[in-house]
């Protein structure tokens, strides 16, 4: 894309703006314009200026693996499933290409570190669930969102704002459970995503979008408002969980009248799950 000189001057001016959020939006603009146009803007920036540093930062990202390649290279286990933590941070790069994952992984590690002494291996599952709920929803302040806001899907922003949709709050629950080696898995109900604690043949359903409310199977049916086939109570794979998260984000962008981003997500979804 060939830029007019006045467009370049406007972009450089905005990249120099220290107002919170402006530089983030302009970096995203550079990613959308592509590497060639970004190099053109780079040459128009004064050296050692704020704009020069911002554009240099984006150019370094262009040399890293593309998001398509990151999705193709997601680590898979012997059953072909991905690691959920790796997946949610890969998706977060769709909205935040220069994301520093290490900051958020350190935060998750500290959360697990705080929780570990409170949970004993022989604790009753209900006690473990209540401990998780108290920590996440009372101490940490995680809460539900009902808006069409992309940031409620991007995992870095969910951790920053302590706010998310059913599936992203469930992802917080699941990732902490995985770090703590707790037998908790996802359940992809129609129109709602929850988790369940599995002990032998006992399944305890938990709704992280409602502060970790404990549910029976019948209460899940009441929540959804329709009969739920038994197979939908089964454990949802991490790959399908990420796919559903991406589909939610795709619909959000369609509702925000951004079909280009929705289409890009659709392409990434096909990379993740070619058979769906």
Protein backbone atom coordinates (compact mmCIF):
# COMPACT_ATOMS: atom_id res chain seq x y z
CA UNK A 1 0.00 0.00 0.00
CA UNK A 2 1.47 3.35 -1.11
CA UNK A 3 1.04 6.09 1.47
CA UNK A 4 0.68 9.79 0.72
CA UNK A 5 3.17 12.11 2.46
CA UNK A 6 0.38 13.65 4.56
CA UNK A 7 -0.67 10.17 5.73
CA UNK A 8 2.90 9.41 6.76
CA UNK A 9 3.18 12.70 8.65
CA UNK A 10 -0.11 12.01 10.45
CA UNK A 11 0.99 8.50 11.48
CA UNK A 12 4.38 9.75 12.69
CA UNK A 13 2.64 12.47 14.71
CA UNK A 14 0.30 9.97 16.37
CA UNK A 15 3.16 7.57 17.10
CA UNK A 16 4.85 10.43 18.95
CA UNK A 17 1.77 10.94 21.14
CA UNK A 18 2.33 9.81 24.73
CA UNK A 19 -1.43 9.58 25.45
CA UNK A 20 -2.22 6.08 26.81
CA UNK A 21 -3.68 3.87 24.09
CA UNK A 22 -2.74 6.07 21.11
CA UNK A 23 0.59 4.35 20.44
CA UNK A 24 -1.04 0.92 20.87
CA UNK A 25 -3.64 1.74 18.23
CA UNK A 26 -1.02 3.12 15.87
CA UNK A 27 1.18 0.05 16.25
CA UNK A 28 -1.83 -2.06 15.28
CA UNK A 29 -2.30 0.25 12.29
CA UNK A 30 1.29 -0.46 11.21
CA UNK A 31 0.72 -4.21 11.44
CA UNK A 32 -2.36 -3.78 9.24
CA UNK A 33 -0.42 -1.67 6.71
CA UNK A 34 2.30 -4.29 6.39
CA UNK A 35 6.09 -4.32 6.46
CA UNK A 36 6.75 -2.35 3.26
CA UNK A 37 4.60 0.64 4.31
CA UNK A 38 6.00 0.46 7.84
CA UNK A 39 9.56 0.73 6.49
CA UNK A 40 8.48 3.79 4.53
CA UNK A 41 7.16 5.37 7.73
CA UNK A 42 10.33 4.36 9.57
CA UNK A 43 12.48 6.32 7.12
CA UNK A 44 10.37 9.43 7.79
CA UNK A 45 10.93 9.33 11.56
CA UNK A 46 13.65 11.35 13.22
CA UNK A 47 16.25 9.06 14.81
CA UNK A 48 15.98 8.61 18.59
CA UNK A 49 12.41 9.95 18.49
CA UNK A 50 9.49 8.20 20.16
CA UNK A 51 7.97 7.47 16.74
CA UNK A 52 11.24 5.94 15.51
CA UNK A 53 11.37 3.62 18.53
CA UNK A 54 7.73 2.57 18.06
CA UNK A 55 8.17 1.80 14.36
CA UNK A 56 11.44 -0.06 15.03
CA UNK A 57 9.55 -2.18 17.55
CA UNK A 58 6.97 -3.14 14.93
CA UNK A 59 9.65 -3.92 12.32
CA UNK A 60 11.29 -6.34 14.75
CA UNK A 61 7.94 -8.10 15.11
CA UNK A 62 7.66 -8.48 11.34
CA UNK A 63 10.83 -10.60 11.48
CA UNK A 64 9.26 -12.97 14.02
CA UNK A 65 7.05 -15.93 13.02
CA UNK A 66 3.70 -14.90 11.58
CA UNK A 67 0.54 -15.55 13.56
CA UNK A 68 -0.44 -18.17 10.97
CA UNK A 69 2.84 -19.96 11.66
CA UNK A 70 2.39 -19.67 15.43
CA UNK A 71 -0.99 -21.41 15.13
CA UNK A 72 0.48 -24.11 12.90
CA UNK A 73 3.28 -24.68 15.40
CA UNK A 74 1.17 -24.95 18.57
CA UNK A 75 2.59 -27.79 20.64
CA UNK A 76 0.38 -30.89 20.56
CA UNK A 77 0.38 -33.86 22.92
CA UNK A 78 0.19 -37.54 22.01
CA UNK A 79 -3.57 -37.18 21.51
CA UNK A 80 -3.17 -34.22 19.16
CA UNK A 81 -4.40 -31.67 21.70
CA UNK A 82 -2.76 -28.30 22.34
CA UNK A 83 -1.66 -26.71 25.62
CA UNK A 84 -4.42 -24.27 26.56
CA UNK A 85 -2.05 -21.72 28.11
CA UNK A 86 0.06 -21.56 24.94
CA UNK A 87 -3.10 -21.32 22.84
CA UNK A 88 -4.73 -18.41 24.66
CA UNK A 89 -1.55 -16.34 24.52
CA UNK A 90 -1.15 -17.12 20.82
CA UNK A 91 -4.69 -15.84 20.23
CA UNK A 92 -3.92 -12.74 22.31
CA UNK A 93 -1.28 -11.82 19.73
CA UNK A 94 -4.07 -11.31 17.21
CA UNK A 95 -5.07 -8.18 19.11
CA UNK A 96 -1.71 -7.43 20.74
CA UNK A 97 1.06 -8.47 18.33
CA UNK A 98 3.87 -7.19 20.56
CA UNK A 99 2.57 -9.02 23.64
CA UNK A 100 5.17 -9.94 26.26
CA UNK A 101 3.83 -13.32 27.38
CA UNK A 102 6.44 -13.75 30.10
CA UNK A 103 4.87 -10.97 32.20
CA UNK A 104 1.51 -12.76 32.26
CA UNK A 105 2.96 -16.23 32.73
CA UNK A 106 4.85 -14.92 35.74
CA UNK A 107 1.58 -13.52 37.08
CA UNK A 108 -0.16 -16.88 36.61
CA UNK A 109 2.76 -18.58 38.32
CA UNK A 110 2.44 -16.29 41.31
CA UNK A 111 -1.31 -16.90 41.50
CA UNK A 112 -0.69 -20.66 41.55
CA UNK A 113 2.05 -20.11 44.16
CA UNK A 114 -0.42 -18.26 46.40
CA UNK A 115 -3.06 -20.96 45.98
CA UNK A 116 -0.88 -24.04 46.46
CA UNK A 117 -0.53 -23.88 50.27
CA UNK A 118 -4.30 -23.50 50.64
CA UNK A 119 -5.08 -26.77 48.86
CA UNK A 120 -4.21 -30.20 50.26
CA UNK A 121 -4.24 -33.30 48.02
CA UNK A 122 -6.78 -35.04 50.27
CA UNK A 123 -9.14 -32.04 50.53
CA UNK A 124 -12.75 -32.66 49.55
CA UNK A 125 -13.45 -31.35 46.00
CA UNK A 126 -16.09 -28.91 47.29
CA UNK A 127 -13.54 -27.38 49.65
CA UNK A 128 -11.00 -27.07 46.81
CA UNK A 129 -13.61 -25.42 44.58
CA UNK A 130 -14.55 -22.96 47.32
CA UNK A 131 -10.89 -22.12 47.87
CA UNK A 132 -10.42 -21.42 44.15
CA UNK A 133 -13.61 -19.36 44.04
CA UNK A 134 -12.68 -17.26 47.06
CA UNK A 135 -9.24 -16.55 45.63
CA UNK A 136 -10.37 -15.71 42.09
CA UNK A 137 -13.61 -13.86 42.71
CA UNK A 138 -13.21 -12.35 46.18
CA UNK A 139 -9.48 -11.72 46.50
CA UNK A 140 -8.53 -11.19 42.84
CA UNK A 141 -11.83 -9.64 41.78
CA UNK A 142 -12.47 -11.56 38.57
CA UNK A 143 -15.97 -10.84 37.32
CA UNK A 144 -18.32 -11.43 34.41
CA UNK A 145 -18.69 -9.35 31.27
CA UNK A 146 -21.73 -9.18 29.02
CA UNK A 147 -20.35 -6.68 26.48
CA UNK A 148 -19.19 -7.14 22.91
CA UNK A 149 -15.62 -6.19 23.80
CA UNK A 150 -12.69 -8.00 22.13
CA UNK A 151 -10.59 -7.44 25.24
CA UNK A 152 -12.86 -9.85 27.11
CA UNK A 153 -11.39 -12.60 24.91
CA UNK A 154 -7.73 -11.55 24.79
CA UNK A 155 -6.23 -13.40 27.74
CA UNK A 156 -3.71 -10.70 28.64
CA UNK A 157 -6.53 -8.17 28.98
CA UNK A 158 -8.69 -10.63 30.93
CA UNK A 159 -5.85 -10.88 33.45
CA UNK A 160 -5.29 -7.11 33.42
CA UNK A 161 -8.93 -6.15 33.92
CA UNK A 162 -10.08 -9.25 35.83
CA UNK A 163 -13.07 -9.42 33.49
CA UNK A 164 -14.16 -11.93 30.88
CA UNK A 165 -16.79 -14.03 29.18
CA UNK A 166 -17.76 -17.52 30.37
CA UNK A 167 -15.09 -19.17 28.24
CA UNK A 168 -12.25 -16.82 29.19
CA UNK A 169 -13.02 -16.89 32.91
CA UNK A 170 -13.17 -20.67 32.55
CA UNK A 171 -9.75 -20.54 30.86
CA UNK A 172 -8.34 -18.74 33.92
CA UNK A 173 -9.84 -21.48 36.11
CA UNK A 174 -8.50 -24.25 33.86
CA UNK A 175 -4.98 -22.87 33.51
CA UNK A 176 -4.59 -22.41 37.26
CA UNK A 177 -6.00 -25.91 37.80
CA UNK A 178 -3.45 -27.31 35.33
CA UNK A 179 -0.62 -25.52 37.14
CA UNK A 180 -1.89 -26.94 40.45
CA UNK A 181 -2.47 -30.41 38.92
CA UNK A 182 -6.15 -30.42 39.82
CA UNK A 183 -8.58 -32.69 37.88
CA UNK A 184 -10.62 -29.86 36.34
CA UNK A 185 -11.62 -29.79 32.68
CA UNK A 186 -13.73 -27.64 30.38
CA UNK A 187 -17.33 -28.33 29.36
CA UNK A 188 -18.57 -26.71 26.15
CA UNK A 189 -22.31 -26.43 26.76
CA UNK A 190 -24.51 -24.79 24.10
CA UNK A 191 -24.29 -20.98 24.45
CA UNK A 192 -22.29 -21.27 27.69
CA UNK A 193 -18.94 -22.63 28.80
CA UNK A 194 -18.29 -24.06 32.26
CA UNK A 195 -15.77 -26.36 33.94
CA UNK A 196 -16.07 -29.53 35.99
CA UNK A 197 -14.13 -31.16 38.79
CA UNK A 198 -13.69 -34.89 38.14
CA UNK A 199 -13.17 -37.34 41.00
CA UNK A 200 -13.63 -41.00 40.06
CA UNK A 201 -17.13 -41.11 38.57
CA UNK A 202 -18.25 -37.90 40.30
CA UNK A 203 -18.49 -34.75 38.18
CA UNK A 204 -19.02 -31.40 39.91
CA UNK A 205 -19.97 -28.62 37.49
CA UNK A 206 -18.72 -25.08 38.12
CA UNK A 207 -19.77 -21.82 36.43
CA UNK A 208 -16.83 -19.34 36.56
CA UNK A 209 -18.98 -16.68 34.88
CA UNK A 210 -21.21 -16.73 37.97
CA UNK A 211 -18.46 -16.56 40.61
CA UNK A 212 -17.83 -20.30 40.49
CA UNK A 213 -21.39 -21.40 41.27
CA UNK A 214 -21.59 -25.17 41.77
CA UNK A 215 -24.20 -26.82 39.54
CA UNK A 216 -25.82 -30.21 39.07
CA UNK A 217 -26.42 -31.56 35.57
CA UNK A 218 -30.10 -30.62 35.87
CA UNK A 219 -29.17 -27.08 36.93
CA UNK A 220 -26.95 -26.85 33.84
CA UNK A 221 -30.00 -27.72 31.74
CA UNK A 222 -32.03 -25.04 33.53
CA UNK A 223 -29.21 -22.54 32.93
CA UNK A 224 -29.17 -23.21 29.20
CA UNK A 225 -32.94 -23.48 28.94
CA UNK A 226 -32.94 -26.60 26.79
CA UNK A 227 -32.12 -30.29 26.94
CA UNK A 228 -28.40 -31.03 26.69
CA UNK A 229 -27.23 -34.28 25.08
CA UNK A 230 -24.99 -36.33 27.38
CA UNK A 231 -22.00 -36.02 25.03
CA UNK A 232 -21.95 -32.23 25.53
CA UNK A 233 -21.18 -32.78 29.22
CA UNK A 234 -17.97 -34.53 28.17
CA UNK A 235 -14.54 -32.99 28.60
CA UNK A 236 -13.85 -30.33 25.96
CA UNK A 237 -10.41 -30.53 24.39
CA UNK A 238 -8.10 -27.54 24.72
CA UNK A 239 -8.07 -27.25 20.94
CA UNK A 240 -11.86 -27.03 20.75
CA UNK A 241 -11.92 -24.58 23.67
CA UNK A 242 -9.53 -22.25 21.83
CA UNK A 243 -11.53 -22.71 18.60
CA UNK A 244 -14.73 -21.70 20.37
CA UNK A 245 -12.97 -18.73 21.96
CA UNK A 246 -11.85 -17.62 18.50
CA UNK A 247 -15.36 -18.04 17.12
CA UNK A 248 -16.74 -15.84 19.91
CA UNK A 249 -14.15 -13.21 19.02
CA UNK A 250 -15.07 -13.51 15.35
CA UNK A 251 -18.72 -12.76 16.15
CA UNK A 252 -17.64 -9.84 18.31
CA UNK A 253 -15.81 -8.26 15.39
CA UNK A 254 -18.80 -8.87 13.12
CA UNK A 255 -21.00 -7.09 15.68
CA UNK A 256 -18.48 -4.25 15.72
CA UNK A 257 -18.71 -4.03 11.91
CA UNK A 258 -15.14 -5.22 11.36
CA UNK A 259 -15.51 -8.01 8.78
CA UNK A 260 -11.80 -7.93 7.87
CA UNK A 261 -10.71 -8.99 11.32
CA UNK A 262 -13.52 -11.53 11.46
CA UNK A 263 -12.28 -13.06 8.20
CA UNK A 264 -8.69 -13.22 9.44
CA UNK A 265 -9.90 -15.05 12.53
CA UNK A 266 -11.85 -17.47 10.38
CA UNK A 267 -8.63 -18.30 8.51
CA UNK A 268 -6.78 -18.91 11.77
CA UNK A 269 -9.63 -21.10 13.01
CA UNK A 270 -9.24 -23.24 9.90
CA UNK A 271 -5.52 -23.63 10.65
CA UNK A 272 -6.30 -24.72 14.21
CA UNK A 273 -9.15 -27.10 13.32
CA UNK A 274 -9.09 -27.89 9.58
CA UNK A 275 -11.90 -30.46 9.91
CA UNK A 276 -14.48 -28.12 11.51
